[in-house]
Amino acid sequence: MPAPSFKARAHLVNEAIDYALAHPSEPPTVEDLCSKLNISRRLLNYYFQEIIGSSPHHYLRNLRLNGVRRELRAATASPPAIRDIAAHWGFSHLPRFAAEYRALFGELPSVTARDRPTH
């Protein structure tokens, strides 16, 4: 059986990303994605490394963290609590979430929320 083309591998990675974006409050695990796409964990990891340059786990976590950041930076009169936004994106352990957020963005979520642009 021939290996899938680059286009087919990229399509699988995009399907995984689309599926994750469609389920922000219940983020799929790598195993969920493998089952949905009918592909092994090893192949999914290989395809993500080739197409994105990151493992599926790290890419999906960063995708969710960026979703939180976008919501925190959204200018509204009364923004939702950080814990509510984090929960919406599937983060239930707030100290771990804050540490991962700070590692990626160099600041705590509270700083992002406080310094959000206003219109």
PDB file of N, CA and C in Angstrom:
ATOM      1  N   MET A   1       0.851  -1.185   0.000  1.00  0.00           N
ATOM      2  CA  MET A   1       0.000   0.000   0.000  1.00  0.00           C
ATOM      3  C   MET A   1       0.894   1.245   0.000  1.00  0.00           C
ATOM      4  N   PRO A   2       0.730   2.146  -0.963  1.00  0.00           N
ATOM      5  CA  PRO A   2       1.580   3.341  -1.022  1.00  0.00           C
ATOM      6  C   PRO A   2       1.243   4.322   0.101  1.00  0.00           C
ATOM      7  N   ALA A   3       2.249   5.078   0.506  1.00  0.00           N
ATOM      8  CA  ALA A   3       2.054   6.103   1.538  1.00  0.00           C
ATOM      9  C   ALA A   3       1.178   7.214   0.989  1.00  0.00           C
ATOM     10  N   PRO A   4       0.361   7.836   1.857  1.00  0.00           N
ATOM     11  CA  PRO A   4      -0.471   8.956   1.402  1.00  0.00           C
ATOM     12  C   PRO A   4       0.393  10.109   0.897  1.00  0.00           C
ATOM     13  N   SER A   5      -0.130  10.844  -0.046  1.00  0.00           N
ATOM     14  CA  SER A   5       0.580  12.005  -0.587  1.00  0.00           C
ATOM     15  C   SER A   5       0.677  13.101   0.465  1.00  0.00           C
ATOM     16  N   PHE A   6       1.542  14.058   0.208  1.00  0.00           N
ATOM     17  CA  PHE A   6       1.668  15.201   1.104  1.00  0.00           C
ATOM     18  C   PHE A   6       0.314  15.887   1.268  1.00  0.00           C
ATOM     19  N   LYS A   7      -0.405  16.037   0.171  1.00  0.00           N
ATOM     20  CA  LYS A   7      -1.717  16.691   0.211  1.00  0.00           C
ATOM     21  C   LYS A   7      -2.671  15.919   1.113  1.00  0.00           C
ATOM     22  N   ALA A   8      -2.642  14.602   1.033  1.00  0.00           N
ATOM     23  CA  ALA A   8      -3.514  13.772   1.875  1.00  0.00           C
ATOM     24  C   ALA A   8      -3.108  13.877   3.342  1.00  0.00           C
ATOM     25  N   ARG A   9      -1.808  13.906   3.613  1.00  0.00           N
ATOM     26  CA  ARG A   9      -1.339  14.040   4.994  1.00  0.00           C
ATOM     27  C   ARG A   9      -1.734  15.409   5.558  1.00  0.00           C
ATOM     28  N   ALA A  10      -1.575  16.450   4.749  1.00  0.00           N
ATOM     29  CA  ALA A  10      -1.961  17.797   5.184  1.00  0.00           C
ATOM     30  C   ALA A  10      -3.464  17.868   5.433  1.00  0.00           C
ATOM     31  N   HIS A  11      -4.235  17.188   4.604  1.00  0.00           N
ATOM     32  CA  HIS A  11      -5.684  17.168   4.776  1.00  0.00           C
ATOM     33  C   HIS A  11      -6.060  16.521   6.116  1.00  0.00           C
ATOM     34  N   LEU A  12      -5.394  15.431   6.481  1.00  0.00           N
ATOM     35  CA  LEU A  12      -5.664  14.784   7.766  1.00  0.00           C
ATOM     36  C   LEU A  12      -5.333  15.706   8.942  1.00  0.00           C
ATOM     37  N   VAL A  13      -4.222  16.410   8.835  1.00  0.00           N
ATOM     38  CA  VAL A  13      -3.846  17.348   9.894  1.00  0.00           C
ATOM     39  C   VAL A  13      -4.889  18.460   9.991  1.00  0.00           C
ATOM     40  N   ASN A  14      -5.334  18.989   8.871  1.00  0.00           N
ATOM     41  CA  ASN A  14      -6.364  20.033   8.878  1.00  0.00           C
ATOM     42  C   ASN A  14      -7.682  19.516   9.439  1.00  0.00           C
ATOM     43  N   GLU A  15      -8.025  18.277   9.142  1.00  0.00           N
ATOM     44  CA  GLU A  15      -9.241  17.690   9.726  1.00  0.00           C
ATOM     45  C   GLU A  15      -9.123  17.622  11.248  1.00  0.00           C
ATOM     46  N   ALA A  16      -7.961  17.227  11.733  1.00  0.00           N
ATOM     47  CA  ALA A  16      -7.743  17.157  13.181  1.00  0.00           C
ATOM     48  C   ALA A  16      -7.886  18.531  13.814  1.00  0.00           C
ATOM     49  N   ILE A  17      -7.297  19.536  13.195  1.00  0.00           N
ATOM     50  CA  ILE A  17      -7.374  20.906  13.717  1.00  0.00           C
ATOM     51  C   ILE A  17      -8.809  21.416  13.685  1.00  0.00           C
ATOM     52  N   ASP A  18      -9.503  21.204  12.589  1.00  0.00           N
ATOM     53  CA  ASP A  18     -10.900  21.636  12.476  1.00  0.00           C
ATOM     54  C   ASP A  18     -11.761  20.977  13.541  1.00  0.00           C
ATOM     55  N   TYR A  19     -11.536  19.697  13.770  1.00  0.00           N
ATOM     56  CA  TYR A  19     -12.305  18.977  14.781  1.00  0.00           C
ATOM     57  C   TYR A  19     -12.030  19.557  16.168  1.00  0.00           C
ATOM     58  N   ALA A  20     -10.767  19.846  16.465  1.00  0.00           N
ATOM     59  CA  ALA A  20     -10.421  20.423  17.764  1.00  0.00           C
ATOM     60  C   ALA A  20     -11.054  21.799  17.941  1.00  0.00           C
ATOM     61  N   LEU A  21     -11.044  22.619  16.893  1.00  0.00           N
ATOM     62  CA  LEU A  21     -11.650  23.951  16.975  1.00  0.00           C
ATOM     63  C   LEU A  21     -13.159  23.887  17.143  1.00  0.00           C
ATOM     64  N   ALA A  22     -13.778  22.840  16.629  1.00  0.00           N
ATOM     65  CA  ALA A  22     -15.229  22.690  16.747  1.00  0.00           C
ATOM     66  C   ALA A  22     -15.644  22.224  18.138  1.00  0.00           C
ATOM     67  N   HIS A  23     -14.692  21.786  18.945  1.00  0.00           N
ATOM     68  CA  HIS A  23     -14.988  21.269  20.290  1.00  0.00           C
ATOM     69  C   HIS A  23     -14.089  21.916  21.341  1.00  0.00           C
ATOM     70  N   PRO A  24     -14.127  23.264  21.478  1.00  0.00           N
ATOM     71  CA  PRO A  24     -13.191  23.921  22.394  1.00  0.00           C
ATOM     72  C   PRO A  24     -13.396  23.567  23.859  1.00  0.00           C
ATOM     73  N   SER A  25     -14.640  23.414  24.299  1.00  0.00           N
ATOM     74  CA  SER A  25     -14.867  23.156  25.720  1.00  0.00           C
ATOM     75  C   SER A  25     -14.643  21.694  26.096  1.00  0.00           C
ATOM     76  N   GLU A  26     -14.615  20.816  25.120  1.00  0.00           N
ATOM     77  CA  GLU A  26     -14.295  19.411  25.338  1.00  0.00           C
ATOM     78  C   GLU A  26     -13.213  19.011  24.346  1.00  0.00           C
ATOM     79  N   PRO A  27     -12.004  19.536  24.557  1.00  0.00           N
ATOM     80  CA  PRO A  27     -10.946  19.308  23.568  1.00  0.00           C
ATOM     81  C   PRO A  27     -10.662  17.826  23.389  1.00  0.00           C
ATOM     82  N   PRO A  28     -10.559  17.406  22.148  1.00  0.00           N
ATOM     83  CA  PRO A  28     -10.267  15.994  21.911  1.00  0.00           C
ATOM     84  C   PRO A  28      -8.838  15.657  22.312  1.00  0.00           C
ATOM     85  N   THR A  29      -8.650  14.445  22.754  1.00  0.00           N
ATOM     86  CA  THR A  29      -7.311  13.957  23.030  1.00  0.00           C
ATOM     87  C   THR A  29      -6.697  13.491  21.717  1.00  0.00           C
ATOM     88  N   VAL A  30      -5.419  13.232  21.745  1.00  0.00           N
ATOM     89  CA  VAL A  30      -4.753  12.697  20.560  1.00  0.00           C
ATOM     90  C   VAL A  30      -5.393  11.357  20.193  1.00  0.00           C
ATOM     91  N   GLU A  31      -5.751  10.566  21.191  1.00  0.00           N
ATOM     92  CA  GLU A  31      -6.405   9.282  20.931  1.00  0.00           C
ATOM     93  C   GLU A  31      -7.772   9.482  20.263  1.00  0.00           C
ATOM     94  N   ASP A  32      -8.504  10.508  20.694  1.00  0.00           N
ATOM     95  CA  ASP A  32      -9.796  10.824  20.059  1.00  0.00           C
ATOM     96  C   ASP A  32      -9.595  11.148  18.581  1.00  0.00           C
ATOM     97  N   LEU A  33      -8.582  11.942  18.290  1.00  0.00           N
ATOM     98  CA  LEU A  33      -8.314  12.320  16.903  1.00  0.00           C
ATOM     99  C   LEU A  33      -7.915  11.102  16.071  1.00  0.00           C
ATOM    100  N   CYS A  34      -7.093  10.246  16.657  1.00  0.00           N
ATOM    101  CA  CYS A  34      -6.678   9.036  15.943  1.00  0.00           C
ATOM    102  C   CYS A  34      -7.885   8.176  15.605  1.00  0.00           C
ATOM    103  N   SER A  35      -8.782   8.047  16.553  1.00  0.00           N
ATOM    104  CA  SER A  35      -9.989   7.250  16.323  1.00  0.00           C
ATOM    105  C   SER A  35     -10.868   7.887  15.253  1.00  0.00           C
ATOM    106  N   LYS A  36     -11.064   9.194  15.353  1.00  0.00           N
ATOM    107  CA  LYS A  36     -11.910   9.890  14.379  1.00  0.00           C
ATOM    108  C   LYS A  36     -11.334   9.806  12.968  1.00  0.00           C
ATOM    109  N   LEU A  37     -10.021   9.938  12.861  1.00  0.00           N
ATOM    110  CA  LEU A  37      -9.372   9.951  11.553  1.00  0.00           C
ATOM    111  C   LEU A  37      -8.973   8.548  11.081  1.00  0.00           C
ATOM    112  N   ASN A  38      -9.162   7.566  11.951  1.00  0.00           N
ATOM    113  CA  ASN A  38      -8.806   6.174  11.632  1.00  0.00           C
ATOM    114  C   ASN A  38      -7.327   6.066  11.256  1.00  0.00           C
ATOM    115  N   ILE A  39      -6.498   6.572  12.148  1.00  0.00           N
ATOM    116  CA  ILE A  39      -5.058   6.614  11.916  1.00  0.00           C
ATOM    117  C   ILE A  39      -4.358   6.298  13.234  1.00  0.00           C
ATOM    118  N   SER A  40      -3.164   5.747  13.170  1.00  0.00           N
ATOM    119  CA  SER A  40      -2.427   5.436  14.393  1.00  0.00           C
ATOM    120  C   SER A  40      -1.852   6.711  15.009  1.00  0.00           C
ATOM    121  N   ARG A  41      -1.586   6.625  16.290  1.00  0.00           N
ATOM    122  CA  ARG A  41      -0.984   7.754  17.006  1.00  0.00           C
ATOM    123  C   ARG A  41       0.375   8.098  16.387  1.00  0.00           C
ATOM    124  N   ARG A  42       1.114   7.084  16.049  1.00  0.00           N
ATOM    125  CA  ARG A  42       2.442   7.295  15.467  1.00  0.00           C
ATOM    126  C   ARG A  42       2.348   8.067  14.143  1.00  0.00           C
ATOM    127  N   LEU A  43       1.414   7.674  13.278  1.00  0.00           N
ATOM    128  CA  LEU A  43       1.256   8.379  12.006  1.00  0.00           C
ATOM    129  C   LEU A  43       0.762   9.806  12.214  1.00  0.00           C
ATOM    130  N   LEU A  44      -0.198   9.985  13.134  1.00  0.00           N
ATOM    131  CA  LEU A  44      -0.696  11.339  13.389  1.00  0.00           C
ATOM    132  C   LEU A  44       0.447  12.229  13.880  1.00  0.00           C
ATOM    133  N   ASN A  45       1.265  11.694  14.773  1.00  0.00           N
ATOM    134  CA  ASN A  45       2.405  12.456  15.267  1.00  0.00           C
ATOM    135  C   ASN A  45       3.364  12.789  14.119  1.00  0.00           C
ATOM    136  N   TYR A  46       3.646  11.809  13.289  1.00  0.00           N
ATOM    137  CA  TYR A  46       4.536  12.030  12.150  1.00  0.00           C
ATOM    138  C   TYR A  46       3.975  13.104  11.221  1.00  0.00           C
ATOM    139  N   TYR A  47       2.679  13.025  10.912  1.00  0.00           N
ATOM    140  CA  TYR A  47       2.060  13.995   9.999  1.00  0.00           C
ATOM    141  C   TYR A  47       2.089  15.399  10.595  1.00  0.00           C
ATOM    142  N   PHE A  48       1.788  15.522  11.887  1.00  0.00           N
ATOM    143  CA  PHE A  48       1.837  16.839  12.528  1.00  0.00           C
ATOM    144  C   PHE A  48       3.259  17.395  12.497  1.00  0.00           C
ATOM    145  N   GLN A  49       4.240  16.554  12.814  1.00  0.00           N
ATOM    146  CA  GLN A  49       5.627  17.011  12.790  1.00  0.00           C
ATOM    147  C   GLN A  49       6.002  17.494  11.396  1.00  0.00           C
ATOM    148  N   GLU A  50       5.587  16.754  10.385  1.00  0.00           N
ATOM    149  CA  GLU A  50       5.930  17.106   9.010  1.00  0.00           C
ATOM    150  C   GLU A  50       5.212  18.370   8.545  1.00  0.00           C
ATOM    151  N   ILE A  51       3.918  18.477   8.820  1.00  0.00           N
ATOM    152  CA  ILE A  51       3.100  19.571   8.293  1.00  0.00           C
ATOM    153  C   ILE A  51       3.193  20.828   9.163  1.00  0.00           C
ATOM    154  N   ILE A  52       3.127  20.657  10.473  1.00  0.00           N
ATOM    155  CA  ILE A  52       3.048  21.783  11.409  1.00  0.00           C
ATOM    156  C   ILE A  52       4.401  22.069  12.079  1.00  0.00           C
ATOM    157  N   GLY A  53       5.200  21.029  12.254  1.00  0.00           N
ATOM    158  CA  GLY A  53       6.463  21.196  12.966  1.00  0.00           C
ATOM    159  C   GLY A  53       6.331  21.041  14.459  1.00  0.00           C
ATOM    160  N   SER A  54       5.256  20.389  14.900  1.00  0.00           N
ATOM    161  CA  SER A  54       4.980  20.213  16.318  1.00  0.00           C
ATOM    162  C   SER A  54       4.207  18.920  16.516  1.00  0.00           C
ATOM    163  N   SER A  55       4.232  18.404  17.731  1.00  0.00           N
ATOM    164  CA  SER A  55       3.424  17.217  18.024  1.00  0.00           C
ATOM    165  C   SER A  55       1.954  17.619  18.086  1.00  0.00           C
ATOM    166  N   PRO A  56       1.047  16.677  17.866  1.00  0.00           N
ATOM    167  CA  PRO A  56      -0.381  17.012  17.961  1.00  0.00           C
ATOM    168  C   PRO A  56      -0.745  17.556  19.349  1.00  0.00           C
ATOM    169  N   HIS A  57      -0.201  16.941  20.375  1.00  0.00           N
ATOM    170  CA  HIS A  57      -0.517  17.372  21.746  1.00  0.00           C
ATOM    171  C   HIS A  57      -0.131  18.831  21.960  1.00  0.00           C
ATOM    172  N   HIS A  58       1.103  19.198  21.619  1.00  0.00           N
ATOM    173  CA  HIS A  58       1.552  20.578  21.824  1.00  0.00           C
ATOM    174  C   HIS A  58       0.805  21.556  20.921  1.00  0.00           C
ATOM    175  N   TYR A  59       0.580  21.166  19.691  1.00  0.00           N
ATOM    176  CA  TYR A  59      -0.126  22.059  18.780  1.00  0.00           C
ATOM    177  C   TYR A  59      -1.545  22.327  19.282  1.00  0.00           C
ATOM    178  N   LEU A  60      -2.254  21.274  19.681  1.00  0.00           N
ATOM    179  CA  LEU A  60      -3.636  21.438  20.136  1.00  0.00           C
ATOM    180  C   LEU A  60      -3.702  22.235  21.430  1.00  0.00           C
ATOM    181  N   ARG A  61      -2.741  22.030  22.338  1.00  0.00           N
ATOM    182  CA  ARG A  61      -2.711  22.826  23.572  1.00  0.00           C
ATOM    183  C   ARG A  61      -2.483  24.295  23.234  1.00  0.00           C
ATOM    184  N   ASN A  62      -1.537  24.576  22.342  1.00  0.00           N
ATOM    185  CA  ASN A  62      -1.263  25.964  21.963  1.00  0.00           C
ATOM    186  C   ASN A  62      -2.433  26.593  21.225  1.00  0.00           C
ATOM    187  N   LEU A  63      -3.140  25.810  20.446  1.00  0.00           N
ATOM    188  CA  LEU A  63      -4.349  26.282  19.765  1.00  0.00           C
ATOM    189  C   LEU A  63      -5.373  26.746  20.801  1.00  0.00           C
ATOM    190  N   ARG A  64      -5.563  25.948  21.847  1.00  0.00           N
ATOM    191  CA  ARG A  64      -6.511  26.301  22.905  1.00  0.00           C
ATOM    192  C   ARG A  64      -6.028  27.511  23.693  1.00  0.00           C
ATOM    193  N   LEU A  65      -4.737  27.567  23.992  1.00  0.00           N
ATOM    194  CA  LEU A  65      -4.203  28.733  24.719  1.00  0.00           C
ATOM    195  C   LEU A  65      -4.376  30.001  23.907  1.00  0.00           C
ATOM    196  N   ASN A  66      -4.190  29.922  22.611  1.00  0.00           N
ATOM    197  CA  ASN A  66      -4.408  31.090  21.758  1.00  0.00           C
ATOM    198  C   ASN A  66      -5.881  31.482  21.731  1.00  0.00           C
ATOM    199  N   GLY A  67      -6.782  30.515  21.800  1.00  0.00           N
ATOM    200  CA  GLY A  67      -8.206  30.818  21.893  1.00  0.00           C
ATOM    201  C   GLY A  67      -8.525  31.599  23.156  1.00  0.00           C
ATOM    202  N   VAL A  68      -7.933  31.188  24.263  1.00  0.00           N
ATOM    203  CA  VAL A  68      -8.109  31.918  25.522  1.00  0.00           C
ATOM    204  C   VAL A  68      -7.571  33.341  25.373  1.00  0.00           C
ATOM    205  N   ARG A  69      -6.392  33.475  24.797  1.00  0.00           N
ATOM    206  CA  ARG A  69      -5.777  34.809  24.648  1.00  0.00           C
ATOM    207  C   ARG A  69      -6.653  35.725  23.801  1.00  0.00           C
ATOM    208  N   ARG A  70      -7.187  35.204  22.700  1.00  0.00           N
ATOM    209  CA  ARG A  70      -8.066  36.030  21.856  1.00  0.00           C
ATOM    210  C   ARG A  70      -9.265  36.525  22.648  1.00  0.00           C
ATOM    211  N   GLU A  71      -9.862  35.635  23.433  1.00  0.00           N
ATOM    212  CA  GLU A  71     -11.034  36.051  24.227  1.00  0.00           C
ATOM    213  C   GLU A  71     -10.652  37.047  25.312  1.00  0.00           C
ATOM    214  N   LEU A  72      -9.505  36.844  25.946  1.00  0.00           N
ATOM    215  CA  LEU A  72      -9.073  37.783  26.989  1.00  0.00           C
ATOM    216  C   LEU A  72      -8.802  39.164  26.417  1.00  0.00           C
ATOM    217  N   ARG A  73      -8.315  39.209  25.182  1.00  0.00           N
ATOM    218  CA  ARG A  73      -7.985  40.493  24.552  1.00  0.00           C
ATOM    219  C   ARG A  73      -9.186  41.160  23.900  1.00  0.00           C
ATOM    220  N   ALA A  74     -10.282  40.438  23.784  1.00  0.00           N
ATOM    221  CA  ALA A  74     -11.483  41.009  23.182  1.00  0.00           C
ATOM    222  C   ALA A  74     -12.017  42.109  24.107  1.00  0.00           C
ATOM    223  N   ALA A  75     -12.178  43.281  23.545  1.00  0.00           N
ATOM    224  CA  ALA A  75     -12.636  44.416  24.341  1.00  0.00           C
ATOM    225  C   ALA A  75     -14.145  44.363  24.529  1.00  0.00           C
ATOM    226  N   THR A  76     -14.570  44.204  25.772  1.00  0.00           N
ATOM    227  CA  THR A  76     -15.986  44.267  26.126  1.00  0.00           C
ATOM    228  C   THR A  76     -16.107  45.048  27.427  1.00  0.00           C
ATOM    229  N   ALA A  77     -17.284  45.525  27.660  1.00  0.00           N
ATOM    230  CA  ALA A  77     -17.501  46.323  28.879  1.00  0.00           C
ATOM    231  C   ALA A  77     -17.252  45.487  30.134  1.00  0.00           C
ATOM    232  N   SER A  78     -17.771  44.271  30.171  1.00  0.00           N
ATOM    233  CA  SER A  78     -17.548  43.397  31.326  1.00  0.00           C
ATOM    234  C   SER A  78     -17.136  42.010  30.823  1.00  0.00           C
ATOM    235  N   PRO A  79     -15.822  41.812  30.679  1.00  0.00           N
ATOM    236  CA  PRO A  79     -15.353  40.530  30.164  1.00  0.00           C
ATOM    237  C   PRO A  79     -15.652  39.391  31.144  1.00  0.00           C
ATOM    238  N   PRO A  80     -15.846  38.189  30.639  1.00  0.00           N
ATOM    239  CA  PRO A  80     -16.064  37.053  31.537  1.00  0.00           C
ATOM    240  C   PRO A  80     -14.819  36.789  32.385  1.00  0.00           C
ATOM    241  N   ALA A  81     -14.998  36.082  33.465  1.00  0.00           N
ATOM    242  CA  ALA A  81     -13.877  35.744  34.342  1.00  0.00           C
ATOM    243  C   ALA A  81     -12.894  34.855  33.597  1.00  0.00           C
ATOM    244  N   ILE A  82     -11.639  34.991  33.938  1.00  0.00           N
ATOM    245  CA  ILE A  82     -10.590  34.196  33.298  1.00  0.00           C
ATOM    246  C   ILE A  82     -10.892  32.709  33.453  1.00  0.00           C
ATOM    247  N   ARG A  83     -11.338  32.300  34.614  1.00  0.00           N
ATOM    248  CA  ARG A  83     -11.633  30.868  34.832  1.00  0.00           C
ATOM    249  C   ARG A  83     -12.730  30.379  33.893  1.00  0.00           C
ATOM    250  N   ASP A  84     -13.703  31.246  33.569  1.00  0.00           N
ATOM    251  CA  ASP A  84     -14.771  30.844  32.656  1.00  0.00           C
ATOM    252  C   ASP A  84     -14.251  30.694  31.226  1.00  0.00           C
ATOM    253  N   ILE A  85     -13.394  31.607  30.816  1.00  0.00           N
ATOM    254  CA  ILE A  85     -12.806  31.522  29.481  1.00  0.00           C
ATOM    255  C   ILE A  85     -11.918  30.284  29.395  1.00  0.00           C
ATOM    256  N   ALA A  86     -11.101  30.073  30.419  1.00  0.00           N
ATOM    257  CA  ALA A  86     -10.221  28.899  30.433  1.00  0.00           C
ATOM    258  C   ALA A  86     -11.046  27.611  30.373  1.00  0.00           C
ATOM    259  N   ALA A  87     -12.134  27.561  31.132  1.00  0.00           N
ATOM    260  CA  ALA A  87     -12.989  26.369  31.120  1.00  0.00           C
ATOM    261  C   ALA A  87     -13.620  26.157  29.749  1.00  0.00           C
ATOM    262  N   HIS A  88     -14.022  27.253  29.103  1.00  0.00           N
ATOM    263  CA  HIS A  88     -14.604  27.147  27.763  1.00  0.00           C
ATOM    264  C   HIS A  88     -13.633  26.481  26.795  1.00  0.00           C
ATOM    265  N   TRP A  89     -12.347  26.724  26.974  1.00  0.00           N
ATOM    266  CA  TRP A  89     -11.322  26.148  26.096  1.00  0.00           C
ATOM    267  C   TRP A  89     -10.754  24.845  26.645  1.00  0.00           C
ATOM    268  N   GLY A  90     -11.398  24.288  27.675  1.00  0.00           N
ATOM    269  CA  GLY A  90     -11.033  22.956  28.154  1.00  0.00           C
ATOM    270  C   GLY A  90      -9.950  22.897  29.211  1.00  0.00           C
ATOM    271  N   PHE A  91      -9.649  24.024  29.848  1.00  0.00           N
ATOM    272  CA  PHE A  91      -8.651  24.027  30.910  1.00  0.00           C
ATOM    273  C   PHE A  91      -9.381  23.991  32.248  1.00  0.00           C
ATOM    274  N   SER A  92      -9.202  22.924  33.001  1.00  0.00           N
ATOM    275  CA  SER A  92      -9.904  22.793  34.273  1.00  0.00           C
ATOM    276  C   SER A  92      -8.999  23.019  35.476  1.00  0.00           C
ATOM    277  N   HIS A  93      -7.710  22.852  35.317  1.00  0.00           N
ATOM    278  CA  HIS A  93      -6.757  23.043  36.410  1.00  0.00           C
ATOM    279  C   HIS A  93      -6.121  24.424  36.240  1.00  0.00           C
ATOM    280  N   LEU A  94      -6.641  25.414  36.972  1.00  0.00           N
ATOM    281  CA  LEU A  94      -6.238  26.810  36.757  1.00  0.00           C
ATOM    282  C   LEU A  94      -4.751  27.091  36.995  1.00  0.00           C
ATOM    283  N   PRO A  95      -4.131  26.551  38.038  1.00  0.00           N
ATOM    284  CA  PRO A  95      -2.699  26.822  38.187  1.00  0.00           C
ATOM    285  C   PRO A  95      -1.862  26.270  37.015  1.00  0.00           C
ATOM    286  N   ARG A  96      -2.190  25.083  36.545  1.00  0.00           N
ATOM    287  CA  ARG A  96      -1.473  24.517  35.400  1.00  0.00           C
ATOM    288  C   ARG A  96      -1.739  25.352  34.146  1.00  0.00           C
ATOM    289  N   PHE A  97      -2.998  25.754  33.965  1.00  0.00           N
ATOM    290  CA  PHE A  97      -3.349  26.616  32.834  1.00  0.00           C
ATOM    291  C   PHE A  97      -2.528  27.899  32.864  1.00  0.00           C
ATOM    292  N   ALA A  98      -2.477  28.555  34.026  1.00  0.00           N
ATOM    293  CA  ALA A  98      -1.747  29.827  34.140  1.00  0.00           C
ATOM    294  C   ALA A  98      -0.262  29.626  33.841  1.00  0.00           C
ATOM    295  N   ALA A  99       0.309  28.514  34.291  1.00  0.00           N
ATOM    296  CA  ALA A  99       1.727  28.244  34.034  1.00  0.00           C
ATOM    297  C   ALA A  99       1.968  28.004  32.536  1.00  0.00           C
ATOM    298  N   GLU A 100       1.084  27.243  31.889  1.00  0.00           N
ATOM    299  CA  GLU A 100       1.227  26.991  30.452  1.00  0.00           C
ATOM    300  C   GLU A 100       1.032  28.280  29.653  1.00  0.00           C
ATOM    301  N   TYR A 101       0.073  29.087  30.076  1.00  0.00           N
ATOM    302  CA  TYR A 101      -0.184  30.366  29.409  1.00  0.00           C
ATOM    303  C   TYR A 101       1.049  31.267  29.513  1.00  0.00           C
ATOM    304  N   ARG A 102       1.595  31.364  30.709  1.00  0.00           N
ATOM    305  CA  ARG A 102       2.775  32.211  30.922  1.00  0.00           C
ATOM    306  C   ARG A 102       3.978  31.701  30.131  1.00  0.00           C
ATOM    307  N   ALA A 103       4.129  30.384  30.064  1.00  0.00           N
ATOM    308  CA  ALA A 103       5.254  29.812  29.304  1.00  0.00           C
ATOM    309  C   ALA A 103       5.144  30.158  27.821  1.00  0.00           C
ATOM    310  N   LEU A 104       3.924  30.182  27.292  1.00  0.00           N
ATOM    311  CA  LEU A 104       3.739  30.466  25.871  1.00  0.00           C
ATOM    312  C   LEU A 104       3.795  31.957  25.556  1.00  0.00           C
ATOM    313  N   PHE A 105       3.162  32.786  26.400  1.00  0.00           N
ATOM    314  CA  PHE A 105       3.008  34.207  26.085  1.00  0.00           C
ATOM    315  C   PHE A 105       3.891  35.145  26.908  1.00  0.00           C
ATOM    316  N   GLY A 106       4.552  34.632  27.926  1.00  0.00           N
ATOM    317  CA  GLY A 106       5.439  35.471  28.723  1.00  0.00           C
ATOM    318  C   GLY A 106       4.730  36.372  29.708  1.00  0.00           C
ATOM    319  N   GLU A 107       3.467  36.125  29.946  1.00  0.00           N
ATOM    320  CA  GLU A 107       2.714  36.898  30.928  1.00  0.00           C
ATOM    321  C   GLU A 107       1.556  36.052  31.438  1.00  0.00           C
ATOM    322  N   LEU A 108       1.045  36.411  32.586  1.00  0.00           N
ATOM    323  CA  LEU A 108      -0.098  35.698  33.148  1.00  0.00           C
ATOM    324  C   LEU A 108      -1.377  36.115  32.431  1.00  0.00           C
ATOM    325  N   PRO A 109      -2.391  35.263  32.440  1.00  0.00           N
ATOM    326  CA  PRO A 109      -3.655  35.623  31.800  1.00  0.00           C
ATOM    327  C   PRO A 109      -4.267  36.895  32.372  1.00  0.00           C
ATOM    328  N   SER A 110      -4.066  37.145  33.651  1.00  0.00           N
ATOM    329  CA  SER A 110      -4.626  38.354  34.266  1.00  0.00           C
ATOM    330  C   SER A 110      -3.998  39.618  33.671  1.00  0.00           C
ATOM    331  N   VAL A 111      -2.732  39.552  33.306  1.00  0.00           N
ATOM    332  CA  VAL A 111      -2.071  40.701  32.682  1.00  0.00           C
ATOM    333  C   VAL A 111      -2.651  40.936  31.287  1.00  0.00           C
ATOM    334  N   THR A 112      -2.865  39.867  30.537  1.00  0.00           N
ATOM    335  CA  THR A 112      -3.473  39.998  29.210  1.00  0.00           C
ATOM    336  C   THR A 112      -4.848  40.644  29.324  1.00  0.00           C
ATOM    337  N   ALA A 113      -5.656  40.171  30.272  1.00  0.00           N
ATOM    338  CA  ALA A 113      -7.013  40.701  30.447  1.00  0.00           C
ATOM    339  C   ALA A 113      -6.975  42.170  30.870  1.00  0.00           C
ATOM    340  N   ARG A 114      -6.063  42.503  31.749  1.00  0.00           N
ATOM    341  CA  ARG A 114      -5.961  43.873  32.249  1.00  0.00           C
ATOM    342  C   ARG A 114      -5.495  44.832  31.163  1.00  0.00           C
ATOM    343  N   ASP A 115      -4.556  44.380  30.340  1.00  0.00           N
ATOM    344  CA  ASP A 115      -3.957  45.249  29.327  1.00  0.00           C
ATOM    345  C   ASP A 115      -4.614  45.131  27.956  1.00  0.00           C
ATOM    346  N   ARG A 116      -5.809  44.583  27.897  1.00  0.00           N
ATOM    347  CA  ARG A 116      -6.451  44.388  26.594  1.00  0.00           C
ATOM    348  C   ARG A 116      -6.718  45.743  25.941  1.00  0.00           C
ATOM    349  N   PRO A 117      -6.650  45.770  24.616  1.00  0.00           N
ATOM    350  CA  PRO A 117      -6.897  47.038  23.925  1.00  0.00           C
ATOM    351  C   PRO A 117      -8.364  47.458  24.081  1.00  0.00           C
ATOM    352  N   THR A 118      -8.576  48.744  24.175  1.00  0.00           N
ATOM    353  CA  THR A 118      -9.937  49.254  24.264  1.00  0.00           C
ATOM    354  C   THR A 118     -10.240  50.070  23.021  1.00  0.00           C
ATOM    355  N   HIS A 119     -11.487  50.126  22.678  1.00  0.00           N
ATOM    356  CA  HIS A 119     -11.920  50.859  21.462  1.00  0.00           C
ATOM    357  C   HIS A 119     -12.583  52.148  21.830  1.00  0.00           C
TER     358      HIS A 119
END
